[in-house]
Amino acid sequence: MTTRPRLYGGNKVVGVLALGLFGFLAAVFLTSGFGTAEGFADGSITRSIGYAMFNLPGADIASEGFLVAFITIAVVLDAALDGAVMLATRDEEGDS
């Protein structure tokens, strides 16, 4: 026979601290101000991110160039794909 679940009446200080933390975070969130949203000049986020990533002139946002990281990741992913294709192929002389 099963019994009904019972509420654990342990340390009430932890519950009061949790409610106090919730009240503090709610007060901070409600009193914080957000700046006005600004879009890109020509409205093309994709083009601006591409220019910024490859460190080309014409980017609307200032950032570091990530060309070396992009090429390194491309080579590693290409090697992983080649390895997966090699492992997926069957030997012609082996058993099925």
Protein backbone atom coordinates (compact mmCIF):
# COMPACT_ATOMS: atom_id res chain seq x y z
CA MET A 1 0.00 0.00 0.00
CA THR A 2 1.36 3.41 -0.89
CA THR A 3 1.10 6.51 1.21
CA ARG A 4 0.36 10.00 0.05
CA PRO A 5 3.28 12.39 -0.50
CA ARG A 6 4.09 14.66 2.39
CA LEU A 7 5.62 18.12 2.37
CA TYR A 8 9.12 18.25 3.82
CA GLY A 9 9.10 20.80 6.62
CA GLY A 10 12.85 21.20 6.92
CA ASN A 11 14.84 24.42 7.18
CA LYS A 12 12.57 27.41 6.60
CA VAL A 13 15.49 29.85 6.47
CA VAL A 14 16.44 28.55 3.02
CA GLY A 15 12.92 29.26 1.74
CA VAL A 16 12.97 32.78 3.13
CA LEU A 17 16.39 33.41 1.55
CA ALA A 18 15.13 32.12 -1.80
CA LEU A 19 12.12 34.45 -1.65
CA GLY A 20 14.40 37.35 -0.69
CA LEU A 21 16.72 36.61 -3.62
CA PHE A 22 13.74 36.42 -5.98
CA GLY A 23 12.46 39.78 -4.72
CA PHE A 24 15.90 41.37 -5.14
CA LEU A 25 16.33 40.06 -8.70
CA ALA A 26 12.79 41.12 -9.62
CA ALA A 27 13.46 44.63 -8.30
CA VAL A 28 16.73 44.88 -10.23
CA PHE A 29 15.11 43.66 -13.43
CA LEU A 30 12.11 45.96 -13.18
CA THR A 31 14.19 49.06 -12.45
CA SER A 32 16.86 48.49 -15.10
CA GLY A 33 16.62 50.41 -18.33
CA PHE A 34 17.29 49.11 -21.77
CA GLY A 35 18.75 51.31 -24.49
CA THR A 36 16.99 51.91 -27.75
CA ALA A 37 17.45 49.25 -30.37
CA GLU A 38 19.52 50.30 -33.36
CA GLY A 39 19.55 48.45 -36.64
CA PHE A 40 22.25 48.27 -39.24
CA ALA A 41 22.63 51.06 -41.76
CA ASP A 42 21.53 49.09 -44.79
CA GLY A 43 19.48 46.52 -42.88
CA SER A 44 21.65 43.52 -43.82
CA ILE A 45 22.88 41.75 -40.71
CA THR A 46 24.21 38.76 -42.66
CA ARG A 47 26.42 40.88 -44.89
CA SER A 48 27.76 42.86 -41.95
CA ILE A 49 28.59 39.72 -39.98
CA GLY A 50 30.35 38.24 -43.01
CA TYR A 51 32.45 41.35 -43.52
CA ALA A 52 33.29 41.50 -39.82
CA MET A 53 34.19 37.80 -39.65
CA PHE A 54 36.64 37.98 -42.53
CA ASN A 55 37.95 41.41 -41.47
CA LEU A 56 36.96 43.09 -44.73
CA PRO A 57 36.18 46.78 -45.12
CA GLY A 58 32.50 47.59 -45.20
CA ALA A 59 31.44 46.00 -41.93
CA ASP A 60 28.98 48.04 -39.89
CA ILE A 61 30.25 46.54 -36.64
CA ALA A 62 33.75 46.65 -35.21
CA SER A 63 35.23 43.22 -34.50
CA GLU A 64 38.30 41.06 -34.82
CA GLY A 65 38.98 38.99 -37.90
CA PHE A 66 38.29 35.29 -37.64
CA LEU A 67 39.61 34.14 -41.01
CA VAL A 68 42.29 31.80 -39.59
CA ALA A 69 39.83 30.21 -37.17
CA PHE A 70 37.28 29.80 -39.98
CA ILE A 71 39.77 28.06 -42.27
CA THR A 72 41.06 25.84 -39.44
CA ILE A 73 37.54 24.72 -38.56
CA ALA A 74 36.79 24.10 -42.25
CA VAL A 75 39.86 21.85 -42.63
CA VAL A 76 39.08 19.91 -39.44
CA LEU A 77 35.45 19.37 -40.46
CA ASP A 78 36.53 18.28 -43.94
CA ALA A 79 38.94 15.73 -42.43
CA ALA A 80 36.18 14.45 -40.13
CA LEU A 81 33.82 14.07 -43.08
CA ASP A 82 36.46 12.21 -45.11
CA GLY A 83 37.11 9.91 -42.15
CA ALA A 84 33.40 9.20 -41.74
CA VAL A 85 33.04 8.33 -45.43
CA MET A 86 36.10 6.08 -45.24
CA LEU A 87 34.72 4.24 -42.22
CA ALA A 88 31.28 3.88 -43.82
CA THR A 89 32.51 2.18 -47.00
CA ARG A 90 32.54 -1.62 -47.12
CA ASP A 91 35.40 -3.76 -48.26
CA GLU A 92 34.65 -5.54 -51.53
CA GLU A 93 36.45 -8.72 -50.51
CA GLY A 94 35.18 -8.88 -46.92
CA ASP A 95 32.08 -10.59 -45.58
CA SER A 96 28.83 -8.66 -45.51
